[in-house]
N, C-alpha and C. Protein backbone atom coordinates (compact mmCIF):
# COMPACT_ATOMS: atom_id res chain seq x y z
N MET A 1 136.36 27.00 112.96
CA MET A 1 136.60 27.98 111.91
C MET A 1 138.07 28.07 111.65
N VAL A 2 138.30 28.21 110.38
CA VAL A 2 139.77 28.39 109.86
C VAL A 2 139.80 29.72 109.12
N VAL A 3 140.63 30.60 109.47
CA VAL A 3 140.63 31.92 108.84
C VAL A 3 142.09 32.29 108.61
N GLY A 4 142.37 32.88 107.53
CA GLY A 4 143.69 33.31 107.17
C GLY A 4 143.66 34.03 105.83
N ALA A 5 144.73 34.79 105.54
CA ALA A 5 144.95 35.50 104.38
C ALA A 5 144.92 34.53 103.16
N LYS A 6 144.62 35.07 101.95
CA LYS A 6 144.72 34.16 100.74
C LYS A 6 146.20 33.77 100.55
N GLY A 7 146.30 32.34 100.43
CA GLY A 7 147.64 31.87 100.20
C GLY A 7 148.27 31.34 101.44
N SER A 8 147.57 31.50 102.60
CA SER A 8 148.13 31.07 103.88
C SER A 8 147.93 29.57 104.03
N GLY A 9 147.24 28.85 103.11
CA GLY A 9 147.09 27.46 103.32
C GLY A 9 145.90 26.89 103.95
N LYS A 10 144.74 27.71 104.01
CA LYS A 10 143.51 27.25 104.65
C LYS A 10 142.97 26.01 104.18
N THR A 11 142.70 25.88 102.86
CA THR A 11 142.14 24.69 102.32
C THR A 11 143.02 23.48 102.37
N THR A 12 144.33 23.68 102.20
CA THR A 12 145.27 22.60 102.36
C THR A 12 145.27 22.03 103.71
N LEU A 13 145.24 22.97 104.72
CA LEU A 13 145.16 22.46 106.19
C LEU A 13 143.86 21.74 106.42
N ILE A 14 142.80 22.31 105.96
CA ILE A 14 141.48 21.57 106.22
C ILE A 14 141.52 20.19 105.59
N LYS A 15 142.08 20.04 104.34
CA LYS A 15 142.16 18.88 103.70
C LYS A 15 143.05 17.87 104.48
N ALA A 16 144.11 18.33 105.11
CA ALA A 16 145.01 17.45 105.86
C ALA A 16 144.33 17.11 107.12
N LEU A 17 143.61 17.95 107.84
CA LEU A 17 142.95 17.67 109.05
C LEU A 17 141.77 16.67 108.86
N PHE A 18 141.03 16.89 107.68
CA PHE A 18 139.86 16.08 107.45
C PHE A 18 140.00 15.46 106.02
N PRO A 19 140.83 14.39 105.86
CA PRO A 19 141.05 13.94 104.46
C PRO A 19 139.91 13.59 103.77
N GLY A 20 138.68 13.24 104.39
CA GLY A 20 137.51 12.76 103.50
C GLY A 20 136.71 13.87 102.84
N LEU A 21 137.07 15.21 103.29
CA LEU A 21 136.33 16.21 102.67
C LEU A 21 136.65 16.50 101.13
N GLU A 22 135.79 16.94 100.42
CA GLU A 22 135.92 17.33 99.04
C GLU A 22 136.36 18.90 99.03
N ALA A 23 137.60 19.15 99.10
CA ALA A 23 138.00 20.55 99.27
C ALA A 23 137.91 21.41 98.09
N ASP A 24 137.58 22.73 98.19
CA ASP A 24 137.49 23.61 97.10
C ASP A 24 138.51 24.55 97.32
N PHE A 25 139.51 24.67 96.39
CA PHE A 25 140.64 25.54 96.57
C PHE A 25 140.41 26.99 96.06
N SER A 26 139.32 27.26 95.63
CA SER A 26 138.95 28.67 95.29
C SER A 26 138.75 29.52 96.53
N GLU A 27 139.02 30.79 96.38
CA GLU A 27 138.90 31.75 97.55
C GLU A 27 137.41 32.15 97.62
N LYS A 28 136.58 31.72 98.58
CA LYS A 28 135.20 32.00 98.61
C LYS A 28 134.98 33.13 99.60
N LYS A 29 134.29 34.02 99.13
CA LYS A 29 133.98 35.22 100.08
C LYS A 29 132.51 35.21 100.55
N PRO A 30 132.20 35.58 101.80
CA PRO A 30 133.14 35.67 102.90
C PRO A 30 133.59 34.37 103.47
N TYR A 31 132.84 33.23 103.20
CA TYR A 31 133.21 31.90 103.87
C TYR A 31 132.55 30.79 103.05
N ARG A 32 133.06 29.58 103.34
CA ARG A 32 132.36 28.33 102.86
C ARG A 32 132.25 27.44 104.01
N LEU A 33 131.31 26.59 103.92
CA LEU A 33 131.05 25.56 104.98
C LEU A 33 131.24 24.22 104.49
N TYR A 34 132.11 23.38 105.15
CA TYR A 34 132.16 22.01 104.92
C TYR A 34 131.49 21.20 105.95
N GLU A 35 130.64 20.18 105.60
CA GLU A 35 129.97 19.39 106.63
C GLU A 35 130.82 18.31 107.07
N LEU A 36 130.78 17.98 108.35
CA LEU A 36 131.47 16.85 108.95
C LEU A 36 130.52 15.90 109.52
N PRO A 37 130.85 14.65 109.86
CA PRO A 37 129.94 13.85 110.50
C PRO A 37 129.43 14.29 111.85
N GLY A 38 128.36 13.93 112.32
CA GLY A 38 127.81 14.35 113.56
C GLY A 38 127.24 15.72 113.65
N GLY A 39 126.92 16.30 112.43
CA GLY A 39 126.32 17.70 112.47
C GLY A 39 127.29 18.77 112.71
N LEU A 40 128.59 18.53 112.47
CA LEU A 40 129.58 19.61 112.73
C LEU A 40 129.96 20.12 111.32
N TYR A 41 130.47 21.37 111.37
CA TYR A 41 130.88 22.02 110.05
C TYR A 41 132.30 22.71 110.29
N VAL A 42 133.06 22.72 109.26
CA VAL A 42 134.24 23.55 109.18
C VAL A 42 133.91 24.77 108.37
N ALA A 43 134.10 25.97 108.99
CA ALA A 43 133.82 27.21 108.26
C ALA A 43 135.25 27.77 107.78
N GLU A 44 135.49 27.83 106.49
CA GLU A 44 136.66 28.35 105.94
C GLU A 44 136.45 29.81 105.61
N VAL A 45 137.08 30.67 106.36
CA VAL A 45 136.68 32.14 106.20
C VAL A 45 137.78 32.88 105.47
N CYS A 46 137.28 33.57 104.46
CA CYS A 46 138.22 34.42 103.67
C CYS A 46 138.85 35.48 104.50
N GLY A 47 140.10 35.73 104.32
CA GLY A 47 140.91 36.57 105.12
C GLY A 47 140.88 38.08 104.63
N SER A 48 140.19 38.47 103.58
CA SER A 48 140.19 39.83 103.16
C SER A 48 139.61 40.61 104.18
N PRO A 49 140.03 42.00 104.30
CA PRO A 49 139.47 42.87 105.29
C PRO A 49 137.97 43.02 105.13
N ASP A 50 137.46 43.11 103.86
CA ASP A 50 136.10 43.23 103.66
C ASP A 50 135.24 42.14 104.21
N SER A 51 135.74 40.88 103.93
CA SER A 51 134.94 39.67 104.32
C SER A 51 135.04 39.55 105.91
N LEU A 52 136.24 39.87 106.58
CA LEU A 52 136.22 39.82 107.92
C LEU A 52 135.41 40.94 108.59
N GLY A 53 135.36 42.01 108.02
CA GLY A 53 134.56 43.14 108.55
C GLY A 53 133.14 42.81 108.50
N SER A 54 132.66 42.22 107.33
CA SER A 54 131.26 41.92 107.22
C SER A 54 130.77 40.88 108.19
N LEU A 55 131.74 39.85 108.41
CA LEU A 55 131.33 38.83 109.38
C LEU A 55 131.33 39.38 110.84
N LEU A 56 132.18 40.37 111.11
CA LEU A 56 132.12 40.89 112.51
C LEU A 56 130.81 41.62 112.75
N LEU A 57 130.40 42.36 111.61
CA LEU A 57 129.12 43.06 111.76
C LEU A 57 127.92 42.23 111.69
N SER A 58 127.92 41.13 110.87
CA SER A 58 126.68 40.40 110.76
C SER A 58 126.59 39.34 111.95
N LYS A 59 127.69 38.88 112.51
CA LYS A 59 127.65 37.93 113.60
C LYS A 59 126.93 36.71 113.27
N PRO A 60 127.46 35.88 112.43
CA PRO A 60 126.80 34.65 112.02
C PRO A 60 126.47 33.74 113.22
N ALA A 61 125.32 33.09 113.16
CA ALA A 61 125.00 32.26 114.28
C ALA A 61 125.64 30.96 114.39
N TRP A 62 127.12 31.01 114.51
CA TRP A 62 127.74 29.88 114.64
C TRP A 62 128.00 29.65 116.17
N ARG A 63 128.03 28.32 116.44
CA ARG A 63 128.46 27.90 117.89
C ARG A 63 129.80 27.38 117.72
N LEU A 64 130.76 28.24 117.81
CA LEU A 64 132.12 27.83 117.53
C LEU A 64 132.76 27.01 118.62
N ARG A 65 133.38 25.88 118.16
CA ARG A 65 134.12 25.03 119.10
C ARG A 65 135.57 25.45 119.12
N ALA A 66 136.07 25.66 117.90
CA ALA A 66 137.50 25.99 117.75
C ALA A 66 137.65 27.11 116.75
N GLY A 67 138.65 27.98 116.93
CA GLY A 67 138.97 28.98 115.96
C GLY A 67 140.44 28.98 115.65
N LEU A 68 140.79 28.64 114.40
CA LEU A 68 142.22 28.62 114.00
C LEU A 68 142.45 29.88 113.12
N VAL A 69 143.54 30.72 113.56
CA VAL A 69 143.97 31.83 112.77
C VAL A 69 145.30 31.49 112.23
N LEU A 70 145.31 31.45 110.83
CA LEU A 70 146.52 30.99 110.10
C LEU A 70 147.50 32.25 109.94
N VAL A 71 148.76 31.95 110.07
CA VAL A 71 149.80 32.90 109.64
C VAL A 71 150.77 32.14 108.69
N ASP A 72 151.13 32.79 107.68
CA ASP A 72 151.97 32.11 106.56
C ASP A 72 153.37 32.15 107.03
N GLY A 73 153.94 30.92 107.33
CA GLY A 73 155.28 30.80 107.71
C GLY A 73 156.35 31.03 106.58
N ALA A 74 155.87 31.09 105.34
CA ALA A 74 156.77 31.26 104.27
C ALA A 74 156.94 32.81 103.96
N SER A 75 156.07 33.65 104.38
CA SER A 75 156.00 35.04 103.96
C SER A 75 156.11 35.97 105.14
N GLY A 76 155.70 35.65 106.28
CA GLY A 76 155.79 36.60 107.44
C GLY A 76 154.68 36.33 108.45
N VAL A 77 154.88 36.82 109.61
CA VAL A 77 153.86 36.61 110.73
C VAL A 77 152.91 37.81 110.76
N ARG A 78 151.78 37.67 110.07
CA ARG A 78 150.75 38.72 110.03
C ARG A 78 149.40 38.06 110.40
N ALA A 79 148.73 38.55 111.52
CA ALA A 79 147.36 38.11 111.89
C ALA A 79 146.51 39.34 112.02
N ASP A 80 145.52 39.38 111.08
CA ASP A 80 144.53 40.39 111.12
C ASP A 80 143.85 40.51 112.46
N GLY A 81 143.70 41.62 113.02
CA GLY A 81 142.98 41.71 114.32
C GLY A 81 141.57 41.23 114.30
N ARG A 82 140.89 41.48 113.02
CA ARG A 82 139.44 41.02 112.87
C ARG A 82 139.37 39.54 112.86
N ALA A 83 140.46 38.89 112.36
CA ALA A 83 140.37 37.35 112.42
C ALA A 83 140.56 36.92 113.87
N LEU A 84 141.50 37.57 114.60
CA LEU A 84 141.59 37.24 116.04
C LEU A 84 140.22 37.52 116.75
N ALA A 85 139.55 38.55 116.42
CA ALA A 85 138.35 38.86 117.12
C ALA A 85 137.30 37.77 116.89
N LEU A 86 137.20 37.24 115.56
CA LEU A 86 136.28 36.25 115.25
C LEU A 86 136.63 34.91 116.11
N ALA A 87 137.87 34.61 116.08
CA ALA A 87 138.36 33.33 116.77
C ALA A 87 138.22 33.38 118.26
N ALA A 88 138.23 34.56 118.84
CA ALA A 88 138.16 34.81 120.22
C ALA A 88 136.99 34.31 120.88
N GLY A 89 135.89 34.13 120.07
CA GLY A 89 134.71 33.72 120.65
C GLY A 89 134.67 32.13 120.86
N ALA A 90 135.61 31.45 120.38
CA ALA A 90 135.69 29.96 120.46
C ALA A 90 136.31 29.46 121.80
N PRO A 91 135.84 28.40 122.37
CA PRO A 91 136.48 27.84 123.58
C PRO A 91 137.95 27.41 123.33
N LEU A 92 138.14 26.82 122.02
CA LEU A 92 139.50 26.44 121.54
C LEU A 92 139.93 27.48 120.57
N ARG A 93 141.06 28.04 120.73
CA ARG A 93 141.56 29.08 119.73
C ARG A 93 143.03 29.01 119.68
N ALA A 94 143.59 29.05 118.52
CA ALA A 94 145.10 28.97 118.23
C ALA A 94 145.47 29.69 117.10
N ILE A 95 146.72 30.18 117.15
CA ILE A 95 147.49 30.77 116.10
C ILE A 95 148.20 29.48 115.34
N VAL A 96 147.98 29.33 114.16
CA VAL A 96 148.61 28.17 113.48
C VAL A 96 149.48 28.77 112.37
N LEU A 97 150.87 28.51 112.54
CA LEU A 97 151.82 28.89 111.59
C LEU A 97 151.87 27.68 110.58
N THR A 98 151.53 28.08 109.29
CA THR A 98 151.60 27.01 108.20
C THR A 98 152.96 27.08 107.53
N LYS A 99 153.22 26.12 106.73
CA LYS A 99 154.44 26.04 105.90
C LYS A 99 155.61 25.99 106.81
N ALA A 100 155.50 25.34 107.96
CA ALA A 100 156.64 25.36 108.94
C ALA A 100 157.83 24.72 108.41
N ASP A 101 157.78 23.88 107.47
CA ASP A 101 158.95 23.18 106.90
C ASP A 101 159.85 24.23 106.14
N VAL A 102 159.25 25.38 105.68
CA VAL A 102 160.14 26.42 105.02
C VAL A 102 160.27 27.67 105.76
N SER A 103 159.73 27.61 106.98
CA SER A 103 159.74 28.87 107.83
C SER A 103 161.05 28.94 108.64
N PRO A 104 161.73 30.07 108.63
CA PRO A 104 162.91 30.19 109.49
C PRO A 104 162.57 30.14 111.03
N PRO A 105 163.47 29.62 111.81
CA PRO A 105 163.15 29.49 113.30
C PRO A 105 162.70 30.76 113.95
N GLU A 106 163.34 31.88 113.58
CA GLU A 106 162.88 33.12 114.16
C GLU A 106 161.48 33.57 113.88
N ARG A 107 160.90 33.13 112.71
CA ARG A 107 159.57 33.31 112.34
C ARG A 107 158.64 32.50 113.16
N ILE A 108 159.04 31.29 113.33
CA ILE A 108 158.23 30.40 114.23
C ILE A 108 158.15 30.92 115.65
N GLU A 109 159.24 31.45 116.16
CA GLU A 109 159.19 32.00 117.47
C GLU A 109 158.46 33.33 117.59
N GLU A 110 158.41 34.06 116.50
CA GLU A 110 157.65 35.40 116.39
C GLU A 110 156.14 34.91 116.48
N ALA A 111 155.71 33.98 115.74
CA ALA A 111 154.40 33.55 115.80
C ALA A 111 154.02 32.95 117.20
N ARG A 112 154.92 32.17 117.71
CA ARG A 112 154.66 31.72 119.11
C ARG A 112 154.42 32.82 120.05
N ALA A 113 155.28 33.83 120.03
CA ALA A 113 155.19 34.98 120.91
C ALA A 113 153.90 35.83 120.69
N LEU A 114 153.40 35.89 119.42
CA LEU A 114 152.09 36.45 119.17
C LEU A 114 151.01 35.67 119.82
N ALA A 115 150.94 34.31 119.73
CA ALA A 115 150.03 33.53 120.24
C ALA A 115 149.96 33.62 121.77
N ALA A 116 151.21 33.69 122.42
CA ALA A 116 151.08 33.90 123.86
C ALA A 116 150.63 35.30 124.23
N ARG A 117 150.90 36.35 123.41
CA ARG A 117 150.51 37.59 123.77
C ARG A 117 148.99 37.79 123.72
N VAL A 118 148.24 37.14 122.78
CA VAL A 118 146.90 37.29 122.70
C VAL A 118 146.14 36.13 123.42
N GLY A 119 146.79 35.22 124.07
CA GLY A 119 146.19 34.16 124.84
C GLY A 119 145.63 33.03 124.03
N PHE A 120 146.23 32.75 122.82
CA PHE A 120 145.88 31.72 122.02
C PHE A 120 146.95 30.47 122.12
N GLU A 121 146.55 29.31 121.79
CA GLU A 121 147.49 28.23 121.75
C GLU A 121 148.33 28.44 120.49
N PHE A 122 149.37 27.69 120.36
CA PHE A 122 150.24 27.85 119.10
C PHE A 122 150.64 26.46 118.60
N PHE A 123 150.47 26.36 117.28
CA PHE A 123 150.97 25.18 116.49
C PHE A 123 151.71 25.63 115.27
N ALA A 124 152.80 24.94 114.97
CA ALA A 124 153.52 25.04 113.70
C ALA A 124 153.32 23.81 112.94
N VAL A 125 152.85 23.99 111.63
CA VAL A 125 152.44 22.81 110.93
C VAL A 125 152.86 23.01 109.42
N SER A 126 153.07 21.81 108.81
CA SER A 126 153.16 21.71 107.38
C SER A 126 152.26 20.75 106.88
N ALA A 127 151.23 21.14 106.21
CA ALA A 127 150.25 20.12 105.70
C ALA A 127 150.76 19.31 104.58
N THR A 128 151.68 19.80 103.77
CA THR A 128 152.28 19.09 102.69
C THR A 128 153.19 18.02 103.10
N LYS A 129 153.91 18.28 104.28
CA LYS A 129 154.96 17.38 104.86
C LYS A 129 154.38 16.54 106.05
N ASN A 130 153.10 16.89 106.43
CA ASN A 130 152.44 16.11 107.56
C ASN A 130 153.12 16.48 108.83
N VAL A 131 153.63 17.61 109.05
CA VAL A 131 154.35 18.12 110.27
C VAL A 131 153.29 18.86 111.20
N GLY A 132 153.17 18.26 112.33
CA GLY A 132 152.32 18.95 113.35
C GLY A 132 150.85 18.68 113.17
N ILE A 133 150.39 18.01 112.10
CA ILE A 133 148.93 17.86 111.76
C ILE A 133 148.30 16.91 112.84
N ASP A 134 148.99 15.81 113.12
CA ASP A 134 148.34 14.93 114.13
C ASP A 134 148.13 15.52 115.46
N LYS A 135 149.13 16.36 115.89
CA LYS A 135 149.04 17.13 117.21
C LYS A 135 147.93 18.09 117.14
N LEU A 136 147.76 18.80 116.07
CA LEU A 136 146.70 19.72 115.95
C LEU A 136 145.35 19.02 115.89
N ARG A 137 145.23 17.96 115.21
CA ARG A 137 143.98 17.22 115.04
C ARG A 137 143.63 16.64 116.47
N GLY A 138 144.66 16.19 117.21
CA GLY A 138 144.35 15.63 118.52
C GLY A 138 143.88 16.68 119.55
N TRP A 139 144.38 17.95 119.40
CA TRP A 139 144.04 18.98 120.20
C TRP A 139 142.57 19.44 119.94
N LEU A 140 142.24 19.47 118.66
CA LEU A 140 140.82 19.78 118.20
C LEU A 140 139.83 18.71 118.76
N ALA A 141 140.26 17.53 118.78
CA ALA A 141 139.42 16.37 119.24
C ALA A 141 139.48 16.37 120.83
N GLY A 142 140.28 17.13 121.45
CA GLY A 142 140.28 17.08 122.92
C GLY A 142 141.16 15.98 123.57
N THR A 143 142.07 15.39 122.68
CA THR A 143 142.88 14.32 123.20
C THR A 143 144.28 14.75 123.55
N VAL A 144 144.74 15.93 123.06
CA VAL A 144 146.07 16.31 123.31
C VAL A 144 146.10 17.70 123.98
N PRO A 145 146.47 17.65 125.28
CA PRO A 145 146.57 18.95 125.96
C PRO A 145 147.76 19.81 125.52
N VAL A 146 147.56 21.06 125.45
CA VAL A 146 148.71 22.04 124.96
C VAL A 146 148.82 23.08 126.09
N VAL A 147 150.03 23.23 126.50
CA VAL A 147 150.38 24.23 127.60
C VAL A 147 151.14 25.38 126.97
N GLN A 148 150.63 26.61 127.19
CA GLN A 148 151.39 27.82 126.57
C GLN A 148 152.69 27.89 127.27
N PRO A 149 153.77 28.11 126.53
CA PRO A 149 155.11 28.34 127.07
C PRO A 149 155.23 29.61 127.88
N THR A 150 154.39 30.60 127.53
CA THR A 150 154.39 31.90 128.22
C THR A 150 152.97 32.19 128.64
N ALA A 151 152.65 32.25 129.97
CA ALA A 151 151.34 32.47 130.43
C ALA A 151 150.88 33.86 130.06
N ARG A 152 149.59 34.09 129.84
CA ARG A 152 149.16 35.40 129.56
C ARG A 152 149.13 36.10 130.86
N PRO A 153 149.55 37.38 131.01
CA PRO A 153 149.63 38.09 132.23
C PRO A 153 148.22 38.22 132.89
N GLN A 154 148.31 38.06 134.20
CA GLN A 154 147.02 38.01 134.94
C GLN A 154 146.61 39.51 135.00
N GLY A 155 145.26 39.61 134.85
CA GLY A 155 144.63 40.95 135.10
C GLY A 155 144.83 41.84 133.90
N ARG A 156 145.44 41.36 132.84
CA ARG A 156 145.52 42.17 131.64
C ARG A 156 144.58 41.84 130.59
N HIS A 157 144.06 42.80 129.90
CA HIS A 157 143.03 42.55 128.86
C HIS A 157 143.60 43.12 127.60
N PHE A 158 143.32 42.33 126.55
CA PHE A 158 143.63 42.66 125.18
C PHE A 158 142.49 42.97 124.31
N ARG A 159 142.64 43.85 123.35
CA ARG A 159 141.55 44.12 122.38
C ARG A 159 142.11 44.40 121.06
N VAL A 160 141.31 44.32 120.17
CA VAL A 160 141.77 44.66 118.71
C VAL A 160 141.54 46.13 118.47
N ASP A 161 142.46 46.71 117.87
CA ASP A 161 142.28 48.12 117.52
C ASP A 161 143.05 48.47 116.29
N VAL A 162 142.84 49.66 115.72
CA VAL A 162 143.50 50.04 114.47
C VAL A 162 144.51 51.03 114.78
N ILE A 163 145.65 50.92 114.00
CA ILE A 163 146.77 51.92 114.07
C ILE A 163 146.83 52.70 112.70
N PRO A 164 146.38 53.92 112.66
CA PRO A 164 146.36 54.64 111.41
C PRO A 164 147.77 54.99 110.97
N ILE A 165 148.04 54.73 109.62
CA ILE A 165 149.40 54.97 108.96
C ILE A 165 149.09 56.27 108.17
N PRO A 166 149.84 57.45 108.48
CA PRO A 166 149.58 58.68 107.80
C PRO A 166 150.30 58.54 106.42
N LEU A 167 149.71 59.31 105.43
CA LEU A 167 150.47 59.58 104.17
C LEU A 167 151.58 60.69 104.40
N PRO A 168 152.77 60.41 104.02
CA PRO A 168 153.81 61.36 104.27
C PRO A 168 153.47 62.69 103.68
N GLY A 169 153.61 63.71 104.60
CA GLY A 169 153.31 65.08 104.27
C GLY A 169 151.81 65.48 104.26
N ALA A 170 150.87 64.56 104.70
CA ALA A 170 149.51 64.88 104.67
C ALA A 170 149.17 65.97 105.53
N LEU A 171 149.77 66.08 106.79
CA LEU A 171 149.43 67.12 107.74
C LEU A 171 149.69 68.50 107.11
N ASP A 172 150.59 68.65 106.27
CA ASP A 172 151.02 69.97 105.74
C ASP A 172 149.99 70.34 104.58
N ALA A 173 149.14 69.40 104.19
CA ALA A 173 148.30 69.63 102.99
C ALA A 173 147.10 70.58 103.23
N GLY A 174 146.83 70.75 104.64
CA GLY A 174 145.73 71.62 104.99
C GLY A 174 144.34 71.04 104.73
N GLY A 175 143.33 71.78 104.91
CA GLY A 175 141.96 71.38 104.58
C GLY A 175 141.35 70.58 105.63
N LEU A 176 141.89 70.62 106.93
CA LEU A 176 141.34 69.75 107.97
C LEU A 176 140.70 70.69 108.96
N SER A 177 139.66 70.16 109.73
CA SER A 177 138.98 70.90 110.71
C SER A 177 139.86 70.88 111.89
N GLY A 178 139.50 71.57 113.10
CA GLY A 178 140.32 71.51 114.27
C GLY A 178 140.56 70.17 114.82
N GLU A 179 139.46 69.39 114.93
CA GLU A 179 139.59 68.14 115.56
C GLU A 179 140.20 67.12 114.66
N GLU A 180 140.05 67.18 113.35
CA GLU A 180 140.66 66.33 112.46
C GLU A 180 142.17 66.56 112.42
N ALA A 181 142.60 67.88 112.53
CA ALA A 181 143.98 68.22 112.66
C ALA A 181 144.59 67.64 113.91
N GLU A 182 143.89 67.71 115.03
CA GLU A 182 144.44 67.17 116.24
C GLU A 182 144.63 65.73 116.16
N VAL A 183 143.64 64.97 115.65
CA VAL A 183 143.79 63.53 115.46
C VAL A 183 144.94 63.18 114.57
N MET A 184 144.99 63.98 113.39
CA MET A 184 146.02 63.68 112.46
C MET A 184 147.47 63.89 112.92
N LYS A 185 147.58 64.85 113.86
CA LYS A 185 148.97 65.10 114.40
C LYS A 185 149.44 63.88 115.27
N LEU A 186 148.48 63.12 115.75
CA LEU A 186 148.90 61.87 116.56
C LEU A 186 148.87 60.63 115.79
N CYS A 187 148.56 60.70 114.53
CA CYS A 187 148.65 59.56 113.60
C CYS A 187 150.15 59.33 113.00
N ASP A 188 150.79 58.57 113.87
CA ASP A 188 152.29 58.45 113.60
C ASP A 188 152.58 57.04 113.24
N GLY A 189 151.66 56.18 112.93
CA GLY A 189 151.98 54.75 112.65
C GLY A 189 152.34 53.94 113.77
N ARG A 190 152.25 54.48 114.98
CA ARG A 190 152.64 53.70 116.28
C ARG A 190 151.37 53.72 117.22
N ARG A 191 150.62 54.84 117.27
CA ARG A 191 149.66 54.94 118.24
C ARG A 191 148.33 54.29 117.67
N SER A 192 147.62 53.59 118.51
CA SER A 192 146.31 53.01 118.09
C SER A 192 145.28 54.12 118.28
N ALA A 193 144.13 53.80 117.67
CA ALA A 193 142.98 54.78 117.76
C ALA A 193 142.64 54.99 119.29
N GLY A 194 142.66 53.93 120.05
CA GLY A 194 142.33 54.14 121.55
C GLY A 194 143.40 55.01 122.24
N GLU A 195 144.71 54.92 121.93
CA GLU A 195 145.60 55.73 122.47
C GLU A 195 145.47 57.23 122.08
N ILE A 196 145.15 57.41 120.82
CA ILE A 196 144.90 58.75 120.31
C ILE A 196 143.66 59.36 121.06
N ALA A 197 142.57 58.56 121.30
CA ALA A 197 141.41 59.11 122.00
C ALA A 197 141.73 59.46 123.44
N LEU A 198 142.52 58.66 124.00
CA LEU A 198 143.01 58.86 125.41
C LEU A 198 143.80 60.11 125.56
N ALA A 199 144.70 60.39 124.56
CA ALA A 199 145.58 61.48 124.63
C ALA A 199 144.79 62.87 124.42
N LEU A 200 143.79 62.76 123.60
CA LEU A 200 143.03 63.93 123.31
C LEU A 200 141.71 64.20 124.13
N GLY A 201 141.53 63.12 124.94
CA GLY A 201 140.32 63.23 125.83
C GLY A 201 138.99 63.19 124.93
N MET A 202 139.05 62.43 123.84
CA MET A 202 137.83 62.42 122.87
C MET A 202 137.29 60.94 123.09
N PRO A 203 135.97 60.86 122.85
CA PRO A 203 135.37 59.52 122.79
C PRO A 203 136.01 58.56 121.74
N TYR A 204 136.16 57.38 122.07
CA TYR A 204 136.83 56.44 121.10
C TYR A 204 136.12 56.34 119.87
N GLY A 205 134.80 56.31 119.86
CA GLY A 205 134.03 56.11 118.74
C GLY A 205 134.21 57.39 117.79
N LYS A 206 134.38 58.55 118.44
CA LYS A 206 134.56 59.77 117.60
C LYS A 206 135.78 59.72 116.88
N VAL A 207 136.85 59.26 117.56
CA VAL A 207 138.22 59.26 116.97
C VAL A 207 138.19 58.26 115.81
N ARG A 208 137.58 57.06 116.07
CA ARG A 208 137.49 56.11 114.98
C ARG A 208 136.76 56.71 113.80
N GLY A 209 135.72 57.50 113.94
CA GLY A 209 134.97 58.10 112.95
C GLY A 209 135.86 59.18 112.10
N ILE A 210 136.64 59.92 112.93
CA ILE A 210 137.57 60.95 112.22
C ILE A 210 138.62 60.14 111.42
N ILE A 211 139.15 59.06 112.00
CA ILE A 211 140.25 58.41 111.26
C ILE A 211 139.64 57.82 109.95
N SER A 212 138.42 57.31 110.08
CA SER A 212 137.75 56.77 108.80
C SER A 212 137.69 57.87 107.77
N VAL A 213 137.27 59.13 108.14
CA VAL A 213 137.15 60.29 107.24
C VAL A 213 138.55 60.58 106.59
N LEU A 214 139.51 60.62 107.61
CA LEU A 214 140.91 60.92 107.07
C LEU A 214 141.40 59.93 106.07
N ARG A 215 141.00 58.66 106.18
CA ARG A 215 141.42 57.71 105.29
C ARG A 215 140.69 57.88 103.91
N MET A 216 139.47 58.16 103.94
CA MET A 216 138.63 58.36 102.76
C MET A 216 139.12 59.54 102.03
N ARG A 217 139.68 60.59 102.77
CA ARG A 217 140.08 61.77 102.13
C ARG A 217 141.55 61.74 101.67
N GLY A 218 142.23 60.60 102.01
CA GLY A 218 143.49 60.48 101.54
C GLY A 218 144.66 60.90 102.45
N TYR A 219 144.22 61.31 103.67
CA TYR A 219 145.30 61.70 104.67
C TYR A 219 146.00 60.54 105.32
N VAL A 220 145.19 59.47 105.51
CA VAL A 220 145.65 58.25 106.13
C VAL A 220 145.65 57.20 105.08
N GLN A 221 146.91 56.51 104.77
CA GLN A 221 147.03 55.67 103.69
C GLN A 221 146.63 54.26 103.98
N ALA A 222 146.61 53.86 105.26
CA ALA A 222 146.33 52.50 105.60
C ALA A 222 146.02 52.42 107.10
N LEU A 223 145.20 51.35 107.47
CA LEU A 223 144.97 51.08 108.84
C LEU A 223 145.57 49.77 109.18
N LEU A 224 146.50 49.74 110.12
CA LEU A 224 147.24 48.54 110.50
C LEU A 224 146.32 47.99 111.72
N VAL A 225 145.80 46.83 111.59
CA VAL A 225 145.03 46.31 112.64
C VAL A 225 145.90 45.46 113.56
N GLY A 226 145.89 45.69 114.76
CA GLY A 226 146.67 44.98 115.90
C GLY A 226 145.93 44.69 117.12
N VAL A 227 146.68 43.90 117.99
CA VAL A 227 146.17 43.57 119.32
C VAL A 227 146.95 44.38 120.31
N VAL A 228 146.18 45.18 121.06
CA VAL A 228 146.79 46.04 121.99
C VAL A 228 146.47 45.76 123.49
N GLY A 229 147.26 46.06 124.50
CA GLY A 229 146.94 45.81 125.80
C GLY A 229 146.20 47.01 126.49
């Protein structure tokens, strides 16, 4: 499975890894399948929140061998937590920074640190310049071992969660129930839904439901998806 935001280079990478495929460069929602020899497929997954959310809910009957989560080295290191959750079910999983030839070194290191933090392998590639493609292909084929530079901490578990971003001044607008106001007070753009639930002593599912209502009503302007410890 190859998943990433629009423009991250999914189709270009797939074409570089498997030159014989007839690649389709349109953005297919929620995914498209390319057939490989031997009964294998490449699933190119649209990186839109709606597509990722629908795939997480529908749980397609894929027997994943490898999950590649792409981050765009030309524009910034952003990996949707839903994409990470989809890839986490694969025995082989990696953060792949694309467009490495135009990516500043600090951005490559930021992506490498993200991969280490979530327990994924890391590759920096440029499909147009053929940088890192052979190494990634070898890893997918099981011929090139990759060792993480930073080991994942023992005994620590990571999960995907949402971090609600409040609309400036929303709390002063009124119109909230008691529980909604309590949750809203802790929506500071840094706390995750799980941390808010823990602080208030509320069930996690209830807090997620309240945050969804707050967003629909315009008190929360966005949900940042992240990986938390």
